[in-house]
Amino acid sequence: MKKSLLLAVVIVSAALVAGCQTKRGVGKPAAGDTSATTVAVPGATTTADTAATATGIESAGSVGGEAAGAGTIPAELDGRRIIYFAFDSADVRAEDQALVAAHARLLAANSSLRVRLEGHTDERGTREYNIGLAERRAQAVRRALGLQGVTDAQLATVSYGEERPAAVGDDESAFAQNRRVELVYGN
C-alpha cells in the first residue's frame, strides 16, 4: 500500500513539475504529450517491475540467451539491443530503424517472447524532464515495434531517465551512450 501511494505521489509530482523551467537549455515536453510515465524510484518497486516479474522479464543485467532461454535470440541480435537517440529527441534514428525492424520480426515470429523497453537519458535536464523524455523514447520504440506486428502483450516500458547511465562523463561521447532504449528480453 505504501509503495503504491509513493508511486502515485511521484507520478503526480512528475506531472506537475514537467512544466517547470529546465536546466542546461533542455526544452519542455511537447505540448499535448499525454503519454503515461512509469517512474523509476530508487528502492521502490514500480508497476513495471511487478509486471516484469509476473511476465518473467529479467533485469537488464541478465545475459543474452539466459533471459529468454538459450537459442531464442539470434546471435546477430543478441549483442544489439540498444537503440540510441539524438539530443533532446524521442525519434528513432534512421540508422536504428533496421535494428528495430529485426527485433520486430523476432518478436512477431515468437509470440511467447516478451521485451521490456527501458528508456534512458543523459544527465542534462531536470530529473522530471528526463523521466518524461525517457518514457517518450521507450514509447517511440514501442510504437515502431507495434507497427511491425508486435503485440502490446509482448511489450512493457519503463523510464529510468538519467538514473542508470551506461557511461560516466561530462562529454558528448558519454552523453550519446546514455541517450538510449534498451531491449530486455524475457519469456
Protein backbone atom coordinates (compact mmCIF):
# COMPACT_ATOMS: atom_id res chain seq x y z
CA MET A 1 0.00 0.00 0.00
CA LYS A 2 2.78 2.43 0.94
CA LYS A 3 4.67 1.67 -2.27
CA SER A 4 1.54 2.30 -4.34
CA LEU A 5 0.94 5.59 -2.56
CA LEU A 6 4.58 6.60 -3.02
CA LEU A 7 4.41 5.74 -6.71
CA ALA A 8 1.21 7.76 -7.13
CA VAL A 9 2.78 10.76 -5.37
CA VAL A 10 5.89 10.56 -7.56
CA ILE A 11 3.85 10.34 -10.76
CA VAL A 12 1.67 13.30 -9.79
CA SER A 13 4.75 15.29 -8.75
CA ALA A 14 6.48 14.50 -12.04
CA ALA A 15 3.43 15.64 -13.98
CA LEU A 16 3.21 18.90 -12.03
CA VAL A 17 6.90 19.68 -12.32
CA ALA A 18 7.13 18.77 -16.01
CA GLY A 19 6.04 22.28 -16.94
CA CYS A 20 8.74 23.89 -14.79
CA GLN A 21 11.76 25.59 -16.31
CA THR A 22 14.56 23.14 -17.06
CA LYS A 23 18.33 23.47 -16.64
CA ARG A 24 21.12 23.48 -19.21
CA GLY A 25 18.89 24.61 -22.08
CA VAL A 26 16.83 21.43 -22.41
CA GLY A 27 13.32 22.20 -23.62
CA LYS A 28 10.00 21.31 -22.10
CA PRO A 29 7.99 18.23 -23.14
CA ALA A 30 5.93 18.69 -26.27
CA ALA A 31 2.54 20.33 -25.71
CA GLY A 32 -0.27 17.83 -25.55
CA ASP A 33 2.03 14.93 -24.64
CA THR A 34 -0.22 12.71 -22.56
CA SER A 35 1.84 9.52 -22.63
CA ALA A 36 1.92 7.68 -19.34
CA THR A 37 5.17 7.68 -17.43
CA THR A 38 6.46 4.83 -15.34
CA VAL A 39 8.77 6.42 -12.82
CA ALA A 40 11.84 4.60 -11.55
CA VAL A 41 12.25 5.38 -7.85
CA PRO A 42 15.42 4.00 -6.26
CA GLY A 43 14.49 1.33 -3.72
CA ALA A 44 10.83 1.20 -4.74
CA THR A 45 9.09 -1.42 -6.81
CA THR A 46 7.28 0.13 -9.76
CA THR A 47 4.33 -1.30 -11.60
CA ALA A 48 6.74 -2.11 -14.43
CA ASP A 49 8.89 -4.12 -12.01
CA THR A 50 5.81 -6.00 -10.83
CA ALA A 51 4.70 -6.60 -14.42
CA ALA A 52 8.21 -7.69 -15.37
CA THR A 53 8.27 -10.19 -12.53
CA ALA A 54 4.84 -11.52 -13.47
CA THR A 55 5.83 -11.95 -17.13
CA GLY A 56 9.27 -13.38 -16.43
CA ILE A 57 11.28 -10.49 -17.86
CA GLU A 58 14.73 -10.48 -16.32
CA SER A 59 16.70 -7.46 -15.21
CA ALA A 60 18.93 -5.53 -17.60
CA GLY A 61 21.91 -7.31 -16.11
CA SER A 62 20.89 -10.72 -17.43
CA VAL A 63 22.97 -12.09 -20.25
CA GLY A 64 21.71 -12.75 -23.76
CA GLY A 65 20.19 -16.20 -24.02
CA GLU A 66 19.73 -16.51 -20.26
CA ALA A 67 16.85 -14.03 -20.15
CA ALA A 68 14.86 -15.55 -22.97
CA GLY A 69 16.14 -19.10 -22.99
CA ALA A 70 19.18 -20.45 -24.78
CA GLY A 71 18.97 -20.13 -28.54
CA THR A 72 15.88 -17.88 -28.57
CA ILE A 73 17.68 -14.67 -29.53
CA PRO A 74 19.64 -14.96 -32.78
CA ALA A 75 23.35 -14.22 -32.39
CA GLU A 76 23.14 -11.22 -34.75
CA LEU A 77 20.62 -9.55 -32.39
CA ASP A 78 21.97 -10.78 -29.06
CA GLY A 79 24.56 -8.03 -28.75
CA ARG A 80 22.42 -5.40 -30.50
CA ARG A 81 19.69 -4.48 -28.04
CA ILE A 82 20.22 -0.73 -27.69
CA ILE A 83 18.53 1.98 -29.73
CA TYR A 84 20.28 5.36 -29.48
CA PHE A 85 18.70 8.81 -29.74
CA ALA A 86 19.77 12.32 -30.67
CA PHE A 87 19.95 15.03 -28.01
CA ASP A 88 16.52 16.02 -26.66
CA SER A 89 14.78 13.72 -29.16
CA ALA A 90 12.42 10.78 -28.94
CA ASP A 91 12.57 9.95 -32.66
CA VAL A 92 14.11 6.62 -33.66
CA ARG A 93 17.12 7.48 -35.81
CA ALA A 94 17.19 6.30 -39.42
CA GLU A 95 20.29 4.19 -38.76
CA ASP A 96 18.46 2.29 -35.98
CA GLN A 97 15.24 1.56 -37.89
CA ALA A 98 16.65 -1.64 -39.42
CA LEU A 99 17.62 -2.86 -35.95
CA VAL A 100 14.12 -2.13 -34.62
CA ALA A 101 12.66 -3.97 -37.64
CA ALA A 102 14.87 -7.01 -36.94
CA HIS A 103 13.70 -7.14 -33.32
CA ALA A 104 10.10 -6.72 -34.51
CA ARG A 105 10.46 -9.71 -36.84
CA LEU A 106 11.84 -11.81 -33.99
CA LEU A 107 9.03 -10.82 -31.63
CA ALA A 108 6.29 -11.21 -34.24
CA ALA A 109 7.55 -14.70 -35.08
CA ASN A 110 7.77 -15.70 -31.38
CA SER A 111 4.59 -14.61 -29.64
CA SER A 112 5.75 -16.07 -26.32
CA LEU A 113 8.71 -13.67 -26.17
CA ARG A 114 8.37 -10.56 -24.02
CA VAL A 115 10.55 -7.46 -24.03
CA ARG A 116 10.86 -4.58 -21.61
CA LEU A 117 11.80 -1.28 -23.24
CA GLU A 118 13.93 0.68 -20.77
CA GLY A 119 14.19 4.38 -21.59
CA HIS A 120 17.24 6.40 -20.56
CA THR A 121 18.61 9.93 -20.97
CA ASP A 122 21.86 11.73 -20.38
CA GLU A 123 22.21 13.89 -17.26
CA ARG A 124 21.26 17.19 -18.89
CA GLY A 125 17.81 18.46 -17.94
CA THR A 126 15.84 18.12 -14.73
CA ARG A 127 15.08 14.70 -13.28
CA GLU A 128 11.39 15.13 -14.08
CA TYR A 129 12.01 16.18 -17.67
CA ASN A 130 14.42 13.29 -18.20
CA ILE A 131 11.92 10.75 -16.88
CA GLY A 132 9.36 12.08 -19.35
CA LEU A 133 11.85 12.08 -22.24
CA ALA A 134 13.00 8.55 -21.44
CA GLU A 135 9.35 7.42 -21.41
CA ARG A 136 8.73 9.08 -24.79
CA ARG A 137 11.78 7.26 -26.18
CA ALA A 138 10.54 3.90 -24.88
CA GLN A 139 7.08 4.61 -26.29
CA ALA A 140 8.59 5.55 -29.70
CA VAL A 141 10.31 2.16 -29.88
CA ARG A 142 7.09 0.50 -28.68
CA ARG A 143 5.11 2.19 -31.48
CA ALA A 144 7.73 1.21 -34.09
CA LEU A 145 7.59 -2.42 -32.95
CA GLY A 146 3.77 -2.37 -32.86
CA LEU A 147 3.57 -1.05 -36.41
CA GLN A 148 5.55 -4.10 -37.49
CA GLY A 149 3.28 -6.70 -35.90
CA VAL A 150 4.44 -6.96 -32.28
CA THR A 151 1.50 -7.23 -29.87
CA ASP A 152 1.04 -4.94 -26.86
CA ALA A 153 1.06 -8.00 -24.60
CA GLN A 154 4.69 -8.64 -25.59
CA LEU A 155 5.86 -5.16 -24.60
CA ALA A 156 6.40 -3.31 -21.34
CA THR A 157 8.04 0.08 -20.88
CA VAL A 158 9.89 1.68 -18.00
CA SER A 159 11.54 5.08 -17.72
CA TYR A 160 14.78 5.44 -15.81
CA GLY A 161 15.64 8.94 -17.00
CA GLU A 162 19.23 9.73 -16.05
CA GLU A 163 19.30 7.28 -13.11
CA ARG A 164 21.15 4.40 -14.83
CA PRO A 165 23.90 5.82 -17.04
CA ALA A 166 25.73 3.48 -19.39
CA ALA A 167 28.75 5.81 -19.41
CA VAL A 168 30.02 8.27 -16.85
CA GLY A 169 31.42 11.53 -18.09
CA ASP A 170 30.67 15.13 -18.95
CA ASP A 171 31.40 14.94 -22.67
CA GLU A 172 29.32 14.25 -25.76
CA SER A 173 30.64 10.69 -26.05
CA ALA A 174 29.26 9.76 -22.62
CA PHE A 175 26.04 11.69 -23.22
CA ALA A 176 25.46 9.86 -26.54
CA GLN A 177 25.85 6.45 -24.87
CA ASN A 178 23.27 7.37 -22.24
CA ARG A 179 20.54 8.53 -24.66
CA ARG A 180 19.07 5.10 -25.33
CA VAL A 181 16.33 2.50 -25.06
CA GLU A 182 17.47 -0.96 -24.01
CA LEU A 183 15.50 -4.03 -25.10
CA VAL A 184 15.48 -6.58 -22.26
CA TYR A 185 14.07 -9.95 -23.33
CA GLY A 186 12.22 -12.49 -21.22
CA ASN A 187 9.60 -15.25 -21.58
